[in-house]
Amino acid sequence: VQLQASGGGLVQPGGSLRLSCAASGSIFSFVAMGWYRHAPGKQRELVAAITSGGSTNYADSMKGRFTISRDNAKNTLYLQMNSLKPEDTAVYYCNAVAYIGPIPHDYWGQGTQVTVSS
């Protein structure tokens, strides 16, 4: 399965973007999917995650501003980002975890750049 992230771009502070992560196959097999980001000079960090059951988890700094969702029919993961701040500038990656037998496997998209600047 391949993941294709899109939707990044340049936005002013306070603006919104919606990221999409399209899977080449069914996402039913993914026990969890999520978004990570990597800013220059910083470690990669979890932004938000969602399980196959729909449970969500957010990093503290994203709570109330970002919303993660998945559309199993469209095999797509989304991240709605509102009230964006300059510190949200980073490359955003989608991730999916699937078990092959007892072993978890990670799948990664190619990343999409989000720049928040006036």
PDB file of N, CA and C in Angstrom:
ATOM      1  N   VAL A   1       0.851  -1.193   0.000  1.00  0.00           N
ATOM      2  CA  VAL A   1       0.000   0.000   0.000  1.00  0.00           C
ATOM      3  C   VAL A   1       0.884   1.240   0.000  1.00  0.00           C
ATOM      4  N   GLN A   2       0.549   2.181  -0.861  1.00  0.00           N
ATOM      5  CA  GLN A   2       1.282   3.443  -0.896  1.00  0.00           C
ATOM      6  C   GLN A   2       0.387   4.565  -0.396  1.00  0.00           C
ATOM      7  N   LEU A   3       1.015   5.532   0.277  1.00  0.00           N
ATOM      8  CA  LEU A   3       0.289   6.678   0.810  1.00  0.00           C
ATOM      9  C   LEU A   3       0.737   7.931   0.077  1.00  0.00           C
ATOM     10  N   GLN A   4      -0.204   8.751  -0.327  1.00  0.00           N
ATOM     11  CA  GLN A   4       0.085   9.974  -1.072  1.00  0.00           C
ATOM     12  C   GLN A   4      -0.523  11.155  -0.333  1.00  0.00           C
ATOM     13  N   ALA A   5       0.350  11.971   0.259  1.00  0.00           N
ATOM     14  CA  ALA A   5      -0.121  13.142   0.994  1.00  0.00           C
ATOM     15  C   ALA A   5      -0.224  14.351   0.076  1.00  0.00           C
ATOM     16  N   SER A   6      -1.194  15.198   0.347  1.00  0.00           N
ATOM     17  CA  SER A   6      -1.379  16.420  -0.437  1.00  0.00           C
ATOM     18  C   SER A   6      -2.106  17.457   0.398  1.00  0.00           C
ATOM     19  N   GLY A   7      -2.166  18.668  -0.121  1.00  0.00           N
ATOM     20  CA  GLY A   7      -2.937  19.706   0.539  1.00  0.00           C
ATOM     21  C   GLY A   7      -2.119  20.764   1.242  1.00  0.00           C
ATOM     22  N   GLY A   8      -0.812  20.589   1.288  1.00  0.00           N
ATOM     23  CA  GLY A   8       0.019  21.587   1.929  1.00  0.00           C
ATOM     24  C   GLY A   8       0.108  22.849   1.093  1.00  0.00           C
ATOM     25  N   GLY A   9       0.714  23.866   1.680  1.00  0.00           N
ATOM     26  CA  GLY A   9       0.880  25.118   0.958  1.00  0.00           C
ATOM     27  C   GLY A   9       1.251  26.240   1.892  1.00  0.00           C
ATOM     28  N   LEU A  10       1.159  27.444   1.368  1.00  0.00           N
ATOM     29  CA  LEU A  10       1.457  28.649   2.139  1.00  0.00           C
ATOM     30  C   LEU A  10       0.152  29.273   2.605  1.00  0.00           C
ATOM     31  N   VAL A  11       0.082  29.558   3.891  1.00  0.00           N
ATOM     32  CA  VAL A  11      -1.133  30.140   4.453  1.00  0.00           C
ATOM     33  C   VAL A  11      -0.734  31.182   5.487  1.00  0.00           C
ATOM     34  N   GLN A  12      -1.562  32.195   5.633  1.00  0.00           N
ATOM     35  CA  GLN A  12      -1.292  33.229   6.625  1.00  0.00           C
ATOM     36  C   GLN A  12      -1.663  32.754   8.021  1.00  0.00           C
ATOM     37  N   PRO A  13      -1.033  33.311   9.033  1.00  0.00           N
ATOM     38  CA  PRO A  13      -1.415  32.958  10.405  1.00  0.00           C
ATOM     39  C   PRO A  13      -2.909  33.151  10.620  1.00  0.00           C
ATOM     40  N   GLY A  14      -3.510  32.190  11.285  1.00  0.00           N
ATOM     41  CA  GLY A  14      -4.949  32.214  11.506  1.00  0.00           C
ATOM     42  C   GLY A  14      -5.739  31.511  10.429  1.00  0.00           C
ATOM     43  N   GLY A  15      -5.071  31.142   9.355  1.00  0.00           N
ATOM     44  CA  GLY A  15      -5.739  30.479   8.247  1.00  0.00           C
ATOM     45  C   GLY A  15      -5.928  28.997   8.464  1.00  0.00           C
ATOM     46  N   SER A  16      -6.466  28.353   7.431  1.00  0.00           N
ATOM     47  CA  SER A  16      -6.783  26.922   7.511  1.00  0.00           C
ATOM     48  C   SER A  16      -6.251  26.187   6.286  1.00  0.00           C
ATOM     49  N   LEU A  17      -5.968  24.933   6.498  1.00  0.00           N
ATOM     50  CA  LEU A  17      -5.613  24.014   5.411  1.00  0.00           C
ATOM     51  C   LEU A  17      -6.198  22.656   5.744  1.00  0.00           C
ATOM     52  N   ARG A  18      -6.474  21.880   4.709  1.00  0.00           N
ATOM     53  CA  ARG A  18      -6.871  20.494   4.923  1.00  0.00           C
ATOM     54  C   ARG A  18      -5.909  19.591   4.162  1.00  0.00           C
ATOM     55  N   LEU A  19      -5.244  18.742   4.899  1.00  0.00           N
ATOM     56  CA  LEU A  19      -4.344  17.771   4.300  1.00  0.00           C
ATOM     57  C   LEU A  19      -5.105  16.478   4.015  1.00  0.00           C
ATOM     58  N   SER A  20      -4.719  15.834   2.938  1.00  0.00           N
ATOM     59  CA  SER A  20      -5.296  14.539   2.585  1.00  0.00           C
ATOM     60  C   SER A  20      -4.185  13.521   2.405  1.00  0.00           C
ATOM     61  N   CYS A  21      -4.493  12.303   2.713  1.00  0.00           N
ATOM     62  CA  CYS A  21      -3.548  11.207   2.520  1.00  0.00           C
ATOM     63  C   CYS A  21      -4.323  10.060   1.878  1.00  0.00           C
ATOM     64  N   ALA A  22      -4.097   9.883   0.594  1.00  0.00           N
ATOM     65  CA  ALA A  22      -4.811   8.855  -0.150  1.00  0.00           C
ATOM     66  C   ALA A  22      -3.994   7.576  -0.183  1.00  0.00           C
ATOM     67  N   ALA A  23      -4.646   6.476   0.156  1.00  0.00           N
ATOM     68  CA  ALA A  23      -3.987   5.170   0.126  1.00  0.00           C
ATOM     69  C   ALA A  23      -4.295   4.482  -1.195  1.00  0.00           C
ATOM     70  N   SER A  24      -3.317   3.752  -1.694  1.00  0.00           N
ATOM     71  CA  SER A  24      -3.506   3.064  -2.983  1.00  0.00           C
ATOM     72  C   SER A  24      -4.403   1.852  -2.844  1.00  0.00           C
ATOM     73  N   GLY A  25      -4.600   1.400  -1.608  1.00  0.00           N
ATOM     74  CA  GLY A  25      -5.478   0.275  -1.366  1.00  0.00           C
ATOM     75  C   GLY A  25      -6.407   0.558  -0.220  1.00  0.00           C
ATOM     76  N   SER A  26      -7.086  -0.451   0.217  1.00  0.00           N
ATOM     77  CA  SER A  26      -8.041  -0.285   1.311  1.00  0.00           C
ATOM     78  C   SER A  26      -7.326   0.066   2.608  1.00  0.00           C
ATOM     79  N   ILE A  27      -7.935   0.951   3.368  1.00  0.00           N
ATOM     80  CA  ILE A  27      -7.362   1.313   4.658  1.00  0.00           C
ATOM     81  C   ILE A  27      -8.013   0.555   5.804  1.00  0.00           C
ATOM     82  N   PHE A  28      -8.882  -0.384   5.456  1.00  0.00           N
ATOM     83  CA  PHE A  28      -9.530  -1.170   6.498  1.00  0.00           C
ATOM     84  C   PHE A  28      -8.532  -1.943   7.338  1.00  0.00           C
ATOM     85  N   SER A  29      -7.412  -2.324   6.697  1.00  0.00           N
ATOM     86  CA  SER A  29      -6.440  -3.158   7.402  1.00  0.00           C
ATOM     87  C   SER A  29      -5.558  -2.355   8.349  1.00  0.00           C
ATOM     88  N   PHE A  30      -5.638  -1.023   8.258  1.00  0.00           N
ATOM     89  CA  PHE A  30      -4.781  -0.212   9.123  1.00  0.00           C
ATOM     90  C   PHE A  30      -5.401  -0.094  10.518  1.00  0.00           C
ATOM     91  N   VAL A  31      -4.683  -0.517  11.517  1.00  0.00           N
ATOM     92  CA  VAL A  31      -5.206  -0.429  12.874  1.00  0.00           C
ATOM     93  C   VAL A  31      -5.151   1.009  13.381  1.00  0.00           C
ATOM     94  N   ALA A  32      -4.248   1.784  12.808  1.00  0.00           N
ATOM     95  CA  ALA A  32      -4.160   3.188  13.185  1.00  0.00           C
ATOM     96  C   ALA A  32      -3.550   3.974  12.033  1.00  0.00           C
ATOM     97  N   MET A  33      -3.954   5.223  11.923  1.00  0.00           N
ATOM     98  CA  MET A  33      -3.365   6.137  10.953  1.00  0.00           C
ATOM     99  C   MET A  33      -3.107   7.456  11.658  1.00  0.00           C
ATOM    100  N   GLY A  34      -2.140   8.188  11.146  1.00  0.00           N
ATOM    101  CA  GLY A  34      -1.825   9.436  11.827  1.00  0.00           C
ATOM    102  C   GLY A  34      -1.056  10.402  10.959  1.00  0.00           C
ATOM    103  N   TRP A  35      -0.885  11.576  11.516  1.00  0.00           N
ATOM    104  CA  TRP A  35      -0.088  12.618  10.887  1.00  0.00           C
ATOM    105  C   TRP A  35       1.063  12.972  11.818  1.00  0.00           C
ATOM    106  N   TYR A  36       2.226  13.086  11.238  1.00  0.00           N
ATOM    107  CA  TYR A  36       3.412  13.548  11.947  1.00  0.00           C
ATOM    108  C   TYR A  36       3.925  14.779  11.226  1.00  0.00           C
ATOM    109  N   ARG A  37       4.749  15.542  11.908  1.00  0.00           N
ATOM    110  CA  ARG A  37       5.375  16.671  11.243  1.00  0.00           C
ATOM    111  C   ARG A  37       6.827  16.790  11.660  1.00  0.00           C
ATOM    112  N   HIS A  38       7.604  17.382  10.770  1.00  0.00           N
ATOM    113  CA  HIS A  38       9.025  17.544  11.014  1.00  0.00           C
ATOM    114  C   HIS A  38       9.404  18.951  10.592  1.00  0.00           C
ATOM    115  N   ALA A  39       9.756  19.754  11.583  1.00  0.00           N
ATOM    116  CA  ALA A  39      10.182  21.120  11.326  1.00  0.00           C
ATOM    117  C   ALA A  39      11.711  21.190  11.364  1.00  0.00           C
ATOM    118  N   PRO A  40      12.299  22.108  10.634  1.00  0.00           N
ATOM    119  CA  PRO A  40      13.762  22.230  10.625  1.00  0.00           C
ATOM    120  C   PRO A  40      14.315  22.435  12.029  1.00  0.00           C
ATOM    121  N   GLY A  41      15.314  21.652  12.367  1.00  0.00           N
ATOM    122  CA  GLY A  41      15.947  21.783  13.667  1.00  0.00           C
ATOM    123  C   GLY A  41      15.203  21.136  14.806  1.00  0.00           C
ATOM    124  N   LYS A  42      14.105  20.480  14.495  1.00  0.00           N
ATOM    125  CA  LYS A  42      13.310  19.825  15.531  1.00  0.00           C
ATOM    126  C   LYS A  42      13.135  18.355  15.206  1.00  0.00           C
ATOM    127  N   GLN A  43      12.763  17.610  16.223  1.00  0.00           N
ATOM    128  CA  GLN A  43      12.481  16.199  16.003  1.00  0.00           C
ATOM    129  C   GLN A  43      11.090  16.025  15.408  1.00  0.00           C
ATOM    130  N   ARG A  44      10.933  14.932  14.690  1.00  0.00           N
ATOM    131  CA  ARG A  44       9.601  14.623  14.174  1.00  0.00           C
ATOM    132  C   ARG A  44       8.655  14.398  15.348  1.00  0.00           C
ATOM    133  N   GLU A  45       7.443  14.900  15.231  1.00  0.00           N
ATOM    134  CA  GLU A  45       6.491  14.756  16.314  1.00  0.00           C
ATOM    135  C   GLU A  45       5.134  14.303  15.788  1.00  0.00           C
ATOM    136  N   LEU A  46       4.424  13.609  16.644  1.00  0.00           N
ATOM    137  CA  LEU A  46       3.069  13.192  16.322  1.00  0.00           C
ATOM    138  C   LEU A  46       2.152  14.408  16.380  1.00  0.00           C
ATOM    139  N   VAL A  47       1.334  14.553  15.361  1.00  0.00           N
ATOM    140  CA  VAL A  47       0.336  15.619  15.332  1.00  0.00           C
ATOM    141  C   VAL A  47      -1.002  15.074  15.823  1.00  0.00           C
ATOM    142  N   ALA A  48      -1.446  13.994  15.199  1.00  0.00           N
ATOM    143  CA  ALA A  48      -2.735  13.404  15.553  1.00  0.00           C
ATOM    144  C   ALA A  48      -2.776  11.986  15.018  1.00  0.00           C
ATOM    145  N   ALA A  49      -3.586  11.164  15.658  1.00  0.00           N
ATOM    146  CA  ALA A  49      -3.739   9.779  15.225  1.00  0.00           C
ATOM    147  C   ALA A  49      -5.190   9.362  15.389  1.00  0.00           C
ATOM    148  N   ILE A  50      -5.575   8.367  14.607  1.00  0.00           N
ATOM    149  CA  ILE A  50      -6.940   7.847  14.675  1.00  0.00           C
ATOM    150  C   ILE A  50      -6.873   6.341  14.488  1.00  0.00           C
ATOM    151  N   THR A  51      -7.625   5.622  15.310  1.00  0.00           N
ATOM    152  CA  THR A  51      -7.632   4.173  15.207  1.00  0.00           C
ATOM    153  C   THR A  51      -8.706   3.713  14.224  1.00  0.00           C
ATOM    154  N   SER A  52      -8.681   2.429  13.935  1.00  0.00           N
ATOM    155  CA  SER A  52      -9.701   1.880  13.043  1.00  0.00           C
ATOM    156  C   SER A  52     -11.091   2.012  13.653  1.00  0.00           C
ATOM    157  N   GLY A  53     -11.144   2.109  14.967  1.00  0.00           N
ATOM    158  CA  GLY A  53     -12.429   2.275  15.639  1.00  0.00           C
ATOM    159  C   GLY A  53     -12.878   3.716  15.740  1.00  0.00           C
ATOM    160  N   GLY A  54     -12.023   4.634  15.300  1.00  0.00           N
ATOM    161  CA  GLY A  54     -12.403   6.039  15.311  1.00  0.00           C
ATOM    162  C   GLY A  54     -11.904   6.830  16.504  1.00  0.00           C
ATOM    163  N   SER A  55     -11.197   6.207  17.415  1.00  0.00           N
ATOM    164  CA  SER A  55     -10.642   6.941  18.548  1.00  0.00           C
ATOM    165  C   SER A  55      -9.505   7.830  18.063  1.00  0.00           C
ATOM    166  N   THR A  56      -9.473   9.040  18.601  1.00  0.00           N
ATOM    167  CA  THR A  56      -8.479  10.014  18.158  1.00  0.00           C
ATOM    168  C   THR A  56      -7.564  10.448  19.298  1.00  0.00           C
ATOM    169  N   ASN A  57      -6.403  10.907  18.916  1.00  0.00           N
ATOM    170  CA  ASN A  57      -5.420  11.389  19.877  1.00  0.00           C
ATOM    171  C   ASN A  57      -4.679  12.560  19.238  1.00  0.00           C
ATOM    172  N   TYR A  58      -4.495  13.622  20.004  1.00  0.00           N
ATOM    173  CA  TYR A  58      -3.842  14.818  19.483  1.00  0.00           C
ATOM    174  C   TYR A  58      -2.701  15.248  20.387  1.00  0.00           C
ATOM    175  N   ALA A  59      -1.681  15.824  19.762  1.00  0.00           N
ATOM    176  CA  ALA A  59      -0.666  16.485  20.559  1.00  0.00           C
ATOM    177  C   ALA A  59      -1.307  17.693  21.239  1.00  0.00           C
ATOM    178  N   ASP A  60      -0.831  18.031  22.404  1.00  0.00           N
ATOM    179  CA  ASP A  60      -1.459  19.086  23.190  1.00  0.00           C
ATOM    180  C   ASP A  60      -1.576  20.397  22.419  1.00  0.00           C
ATOM    181  N   SER A  61      -0.547  20.752  21.677  1.00  0.00           N
ATOM    182  CA  SER A  61      -0.556  22.045  20.990  1.00  0.00           C
ATOM    183  C   SER A  61      -1.518  22.095  19.814  1.00  0.00           C
ATOM    184  N   MET A  62      -2.058  20.945  19.408  1.00  0.00           N
ATOM    185  CA  MET A  62      -2.982  20.882  18.280  1.00  0.00           C
ATOM    186  C   MET A  62      -4.437  20.725  18.721  1.00  0.00           C
ATOM    187  N   LYS A  63      -4.634  20.394  19.975  1.00  0.00           N
ATOM    188  CA  LYS A  63      -5.996  20.172  20.453  1.00  0.00           C
ATOM    189  C   LYS A  63      -6.842  21.428  20.276  1.00  0.00           C
ATOM    190  N   GLY A  64      -8.019  21.236  19.729  1.00  0.00           N
ATOM    191  CA  GLY A  64      -8.921  22.347  19.512  1.00  0.00           C
ATOM    192  C   GLY A  64      -8.697  23.080  18.209  1.00  0.00           C
ATOM    193  N   ARG A  65      -7.563  22.835  17.564  1.00  0.00           N
ATOM    194  CA  ARG A  65      -7.280  23.498  16.290  1.00  0.00           C
ATOM    195  C   ARG A  65      -7.292  22.524  15.115  1.00  0.00           C
ATOM    196  N   PHE A  66      -6.822  21.311  15.354  1.00  0.00           N
ATOM    197  CA  PHE A  66      -6.708  20.311  14.296  1.00  0.00           C
ATOM    198  C   PHE A  66      -7.738  19.211  14.507  1.00  0.00           C
ATOM    199  N   THR A  67      -8.212  18.648  13.405  1.00  0.00           N
ATOM    200  CA  THR A  67      -9.142  17.529  13.466  1.00  0.00           C
ATOM    201  C   THR A  67      -8.705  16.461  12.480  1.00  0.00           C
ATOM    202  N   ILE A  68      -8.505  15.258  12.989  1.00  0.00           N
ATOM    203  CA  ILE A  68      -8.135  14.145  12.122  1.00  0.00           C
ATOM    204  C   ILE A  68      -9.374  13.310  11.844  1.00  0.00           C
ATOM    205  N   SER A  69      -9.463  12.803  10.627  1.00  0.00           N
ATOM    206  CA  SER A  69     -10.594  11.946  10.269  1.00  0.00           C
ATOM    207  C   SER A  69     -10.152  10.989   9.167  1.00  0.00           C
ATOM    208  N   ARG A  70     -10.924   9.950   8.996  1.00  0.00           N
ATOM    209  CA  ARG A  70     -10.631   8.982   7.940  1.00  0.00           C
ATOM    210  C   ARG A  70     -11.914   8.604   7.231  1.00  0.00           C
ATOM    211  N   ASP A  71     -11.839   8.451   5.941  1.00  0.00           N
ATOM    212  CA  ASP A  71     -12.975   8.028   5.128  1.00  0.00           C
ATOM    213  C   ASP A  71     -12.604   6.678   4.537  1.00  0.00           C
ATOM    214  N   ASN A  72     -13.108   5.632   5.145  1.00  0.00           N
ATOM    215  CA  ASN A  72     -12.740   4.290   4.689  1.00  0.00           C
ATOM    216  C   ASN A  72     -13.227   4.031   3.270  1.00  0.00           C
ATOM    217  N   ALA A  73     -14.350   4.616   2.896  1.00  0.00           N
ATOM    218  CA  ALA A  73     -14.892   4.389   1.550  1.00  0.00           C
ATOM    219  C   ALA A  73     -13.979   4.993   0.484  1.00  0.00           C
ATOM    220  N   LYS A  74     -13.317   6.102   0.850  1.00  0.00           N
ATOM    221  CA  LYS A  74     -12.417   6.761  -0.095  1.00  0.00           C
ATOM    222  C   LYS A  74     -10.952   6.408   0.152  1.00  0.00           C
ATOM    223  N   ASN A  75     -10.721   5.551   1.136  1.00  0.00           N
ATOM    224  CA  ASN A  75      -9.337   5.160   1.470  1.00  0.00           C
ATOM    225  C   ASN A  75      -8.456   6.380   1.707  1.00  0.00           C
ATOM    226  N   THR A  76      -8.990   7.325   2.451  1.00  0.00           N
ATOM    227  CA  THR A  76      -8.288   8.592   2.624  1.00  0.00           C
ATOM    228  C   THR A  76      -8.315   9.037   4.080  1.00  0.00           C
ATOM    229  N   LEU A  77      -7.194   9.575   4.506  1.00  0.00           N
ATOM    230  CA  LEU A  77      -7.033  10.171   5.822  1.00  0.00           C
ATOM    231  C   LEU A  77      -6.964  11.686   5.642  1.00  0.00           C
ATOM    232  N   TYR A  78      -7.556  12.416   6.574  1.00  0.00           N
ATOM    233  CA  TYR A  78      -7.573  13.877   6.481  1.00  0.00           C
ATOM    234  C   TYR A  78      -7.027  14.510   7.762  1.00  0.00           C
ATOM    235  N   LEU A  79      -6.552  15.726   7.599  1.00  0.00           N
ATOM    236  CA  LEU A  79      -6.200  16.546   8.753  1.00  0.00           C
ATOM    237  C   LEU A  79      -6.675  17.963   8.459  1.00  0.00           C
ATOM    238  N   GLN A  80      -7.715  18.373   9.156  1.00  0.00           N
ATOM    239  CA  GLN A  80      -8.202  19.737   9.049  1.00  0.00           C
ATOM    240  C   GLN A  80      -7.444  20.590  10.059  1.00  0.00           C
ATOM    241  N   MET A  81      -6.770  21.614   9.556  1.00  0.00           N
ATOM    242  CA  MET A  81      -5.957  22.468  10.413  1.00  0.00           C
ATOM    243  C   MET A  81      -6.522  23.880  10.389  1.00  0.00           C
ATOM    244  N   ASN A  82      -6.940  24.350  11.539  1.00  0.00           N
ATOM    245  CA  ASN A  82      -7.487  25.697  11.679  1.00  0.00           C
ATOM    246  C   ASN A  82      -6.603  26.520  12.614  1.00  0.00           C
ATOM    247  N   SER A  83      -6.793  27.819  12.567  1.00  0.00           N
ATOM    248  CA  SER A  83      -6.042  28.733  13.441  1.00  0.00           C
ATOM    249  C   SER A  83      -4.551  28.452  13.380  1.00  0.00           C
ATOM    250  N   LEU A  84      -4.050  28.344  12.182  1.00  0.00           N
ATOM    251  CA  LEU A  84      -2.654  27.979  12.012  1.00  0.00           C
ATOM    252  C   LEU A  84      -1.723  29.067  12.521  1.00  0.00           C
ATOM    253  N   LYS A  85      -0.597  28.628  13.060  1.00  0.00           N
ATOM    254  CA  LYS A  85       0.407  29.510  13.632  1.00  0.00           C
ATOM    255  C   LYS A  85       1.741  29.307  12.896  1.00  0.00           C
ATOM    256  N   PRO A  86       2.603  30.297  12.943  1.00  0.00           N
ATOM    257  CA  PRO A  86       3.912  30.120  12.287  1.00  0.00           C
ATOM    258  C   PRO A  86       4.653  28.877  12.781  1.00  0.00           C
ATOM    259  N   GLU A  87       4.476  28.527  14.039  1.00  0.00           N
ATOM    260  CA  GLU A  87       5.162  27.351  14.573  1.00  0.00           C
ATOM    261  C   GLU A  87       4.595  26.040  14.053  1.00  0.00           C
ATOM    262  N   ASP A  88       3.509  26.105  13.295  1.00  0.00           N
ATOM    263  CA  ASP A  88       2.984  24.889  12.650  1.00  0.00           C
ATOM    264  C   ASP A  88       3.709  24.598  11.338  1.00  0.00           C
ATOM    265  N   THR A  89       4.585  25.507  10.926  1.00  0.00           N
ATOM    266  CA  THR A  89       5.346  25.290   9.699  1.00  0.00           C
ATOM    267  C   THR A  89       6.208  24.045   9.813  1.00  0.00           C
ATOM    268  N   ALA A  90       6.038  23.133   8.870  1.00  0.00           N
ATOM    269  CA  ALA A  90       6.761  21.862   8.900  1.00  0.00           C
ATOM    270  C   ALA A  90       6.378  21.063   7.665  1.00  0.00           C
ATOM    271  N   VAL A  91       7.090  19.972   7.469  1.00  0.00           N
ATOM    272  CA  VAL A  91       6.658  18.972   6.496  1.00  0.00           C
ATOM    273  C   VAL A  91       5.774  17.981   7.247  1.00  0.00           C
ATOM    274  N   TYR A  92       4.609  17.749   6.719  1.00  0.00           N
ATOM    275  CA  TYR A  92       3.639  16.859   7.357  1.00  0.00           C
ATOM    276  C   TYR A  92       3.607  15.525   6.616  1.00  0.00           C
ATOM    277  N   TYR A  93       3.698  14.460   7.387  1.00  0.00           N
ATOM    278  CA  TYR A  93       3.718  13.112   6.843  1.00  0.00           C
ATOM    279  C   TYR A  93       2.535  12.315   7.369  1.00  0.00           C
ATOM    280  N   CYS A  94       1.936  11.530   6.492  1.00  0.00           N
ATOM    281  CA  CYS A  94       0.913  10.611   6.967  1.00  0.00           C
ATOM    282  C   CYS A  94       1.550   9.240   7.207  1.00  0.00           C
ATOM    283  N   ASN A  95       0.968   8.558   8.142  1.00  0.00           N
ATOM    284  CA  ASN A  95       1.491   7.271   8.590  1.00  0.00           C
ATOM    285  C   ASN A  95       0.334   6.304   8.775  1.00  0.00           C
ATOM    286  N   ALA A  96       0.606   5.049   8.528  1.00  0.00           N
ATOM    287  CA  ALA A  96      -0.400   4.017   8.763  1.00  0.00           C
ATOM    288  C   ALA A  96       0.288   2.787   9.318  1.00  0.00           C
ATOM    289  N   VAL A  97      -0.389   2.117  10.209  1.00  0.00           N
ATOM    290  CA  VAL A  97       0.140   0.906  10.832  1.00  0.00           C
ATOM    291  C   VAL A  97      -0.788  -0.255  10.520  1.00  0.00           C
ATOM    292  N   ALA A  98      -0.190  -1.316  10.011  1.00  0.00           N
ATOM    293  CA  ALA A  98      -0.958  -2.532   9.737  1.00  0.00           C
ATOM    294  C   ALA A  98      -0.183  -3.721  10.282  1.00  0.00           C
ATOM    295  N   TYR A  99      -0.921  -4.708  10.732  1.00  0.00           N
ATOM    296  CA  TYR A  99      -0.284  -5.932  11.215  1.00  0.00           C
ATOM    297  C   TYR A  99      -0.241  -6.957  10.100  1.00  0.00           C
ATOM    298  N   ILE A 100       0.922  -7.514   9.908  1.00  0.00           N
ATOM    299  CA  ILE A 100       1.074  -8.668   9.030  1.00  0.00           C
ATOM    300  C   ILE A 100       1.410  -9.826   9.955  1.00  0.00           C
ATOM    301  N   GLY A 101       0.400 -10.649  10.220  1.00  0.00           N
ATOM    302  CA  GLY A 101       0.552 -11.623  11.292  1.00  0.00           C
ATOM    303  C   GLY A 101       0.661 -10.867  12.599  1.00  0.00           C
ATOM    304  N   PRO A 102       1.634 -11.223  13.423  1.00  0.00           N
ATOM    305  CA  PRO A 102       1.778 -10.542  14.711  1.00  0.00           C
ATOM    306  C   PRO A 102       2.671  -9.306  14.660  1.00  0.00           C
ATOM    307  N   ILE A 103       3.178  -8.975  13.491  1.00  0.00           N
ATOM    308  CA  ILE A 103       4.200  -7.937  13.369  1.00  0.00           C
ATOM    309  C   ILE A 103       3.602  -6.655  12.800  1.00  0.00           C
ATOM    310  N   PRO A 104       3.734  -5.544  13.526  1.00  0.00           N
ATOM    311  CA  PRO A 104       3.242  -4.281  13.004  1.00  0.00           C
ATOM    312  C   PRO A 104       4.180  -3.709  11.934  1.00  0.00           C
ATOM    313  N   HIS A 105       3.599  -3.129  10.907  1.00  0.00           N
ATOM    314  CA  HIS A 105       4.366  -2.511   9.848  1.00  0.00           C
ATOM    315  C   HIS A 105       3.921  -1.065   9.691  1.00  0.00           C
ATOM    316  N   ASP A 106       4.903  -0.181   9.511  1.00  0.00           N
ATOM    317  CA  ASP A 106       4.623   1.235   9.297  1.00  0.00           C
ATOM    318  C   ASP A 106       4.705   1.568   7.814  1.00  0.00           C
ATOM    319  N   TYR A 107       3.750   2.365   7.377  1.00  0.00           N
ATOM    320  CA  TYR A 107       3.758   2.888   6.021  1.00  0.00           C
ATOM    321  C   TYR A 107       3.761   4.410   6.107  1.00  0.00           C
ATOM    322  N   TRP A 108       4.535   5.043   5.224  1.00  0.00           N
ATOM    323  CA  TRP A 108       4.672   6.488   5.257  1.00  0.00           C
ATOM    324  C   TRP A 108       4.383   7.106   3.898  1.00  0.00           C
ATOM    325  N   GLY A 109       3.728   8.260   3.931  1.00  0.00           N
ATOM    326  CA  GLY A 109       3.574   9.059   2.736  1.00  0.00           C
ATOM    327  C   GLY A 109       4.814   9.896   2.517  1.00  0.00           C
ATOM    328  N   GLN A 110       4.850  10.630   1.422  1.00  0.00           N
ATOM    329  CA  GLN A 110       6.051  11.352   1.027  1.00  0.00           C
ATOM    330  C   GLN A 110       6.197  12.709   1.705  1.00  0.00           C
ATOM    331  N   GLY A 111       5.197  13.193   2.373  1.00  0.00           N
ATOM    332  CA  GLY A 111       5.293  14.486   3.045  1.00  0.00           C
ATOM    333  C   GLY A 111       4.750  15.609   2.196  1.00  0.00           C
ATOM    334  N   THR A 112       4.140  16.575   2.867  1.00  0.00           N
ATOM    335  CA  THR A 112       3.638  17.764   2.196  1.00  0.00           C
ATOM    336  C   THR A 112       3.999  18.975   3.056  1.00  0.00           C
ATOM    337  N   GLN A 113       4.528  20.005   2.410  1.00  0.00           N
ATOM    338  CA  GLN A 113       5.025  21.172   3.130  1.00  0.00           C
ATOM    339  C   GLN A 113       3.895  22.106   3.513  1.00  0.00           C
ATOM    340  N   VAL A 114       3.876  22.494   4.767  1.00  0.00           N
ATOM    341  CA  VAL A 114       2.947  23.506   5.261  1.00  0.00           C
ATOM    342  C   VAL A 114       3.779  24.677   5.766  1.00  0.00           C
ATOM    343  N   THR A 115       3.515  25.844   5.221  1.00  0.00           N
ATOM    344  CA  THR A 115       4.217  27.058   5.632  1.00  0.00           C
ATOM    345  C   THR A 115       3.200  28.086   6.083  1.00  0.00           C
ATOM    346  N   VAL A 116       3.363  28.532   7.321  1.00  0.00           N
ATOM    347  CA  VAL A 116       2.454  29.535   7.882  1.00  0.00           C
ATOM    348  C   VAL A 116       3.244  30.816   8.061  1.00  0.00           C
ATOM    349  N   SER A 117       2.914  31.792   7.258  1.00  0.00           N
ATOM    350  CA  SER A 117       3.688  33.025   7.265  1.00  0.00           C
ATOM    351  C   SER A 117       2.858  34.154   6.673  1.00  0.00           C
ATOM    352  N   SER A 118       3.097  35.353   7.187  1.00  0.00           N
ATOM    353  CA  SER A 118       2.434  36.525   6.620  1.00  0.00           C
ATOM    354  C   SER A 118       3.304  37.168   5.539  1.00  0.00           C
TER     355      SER A 118
END
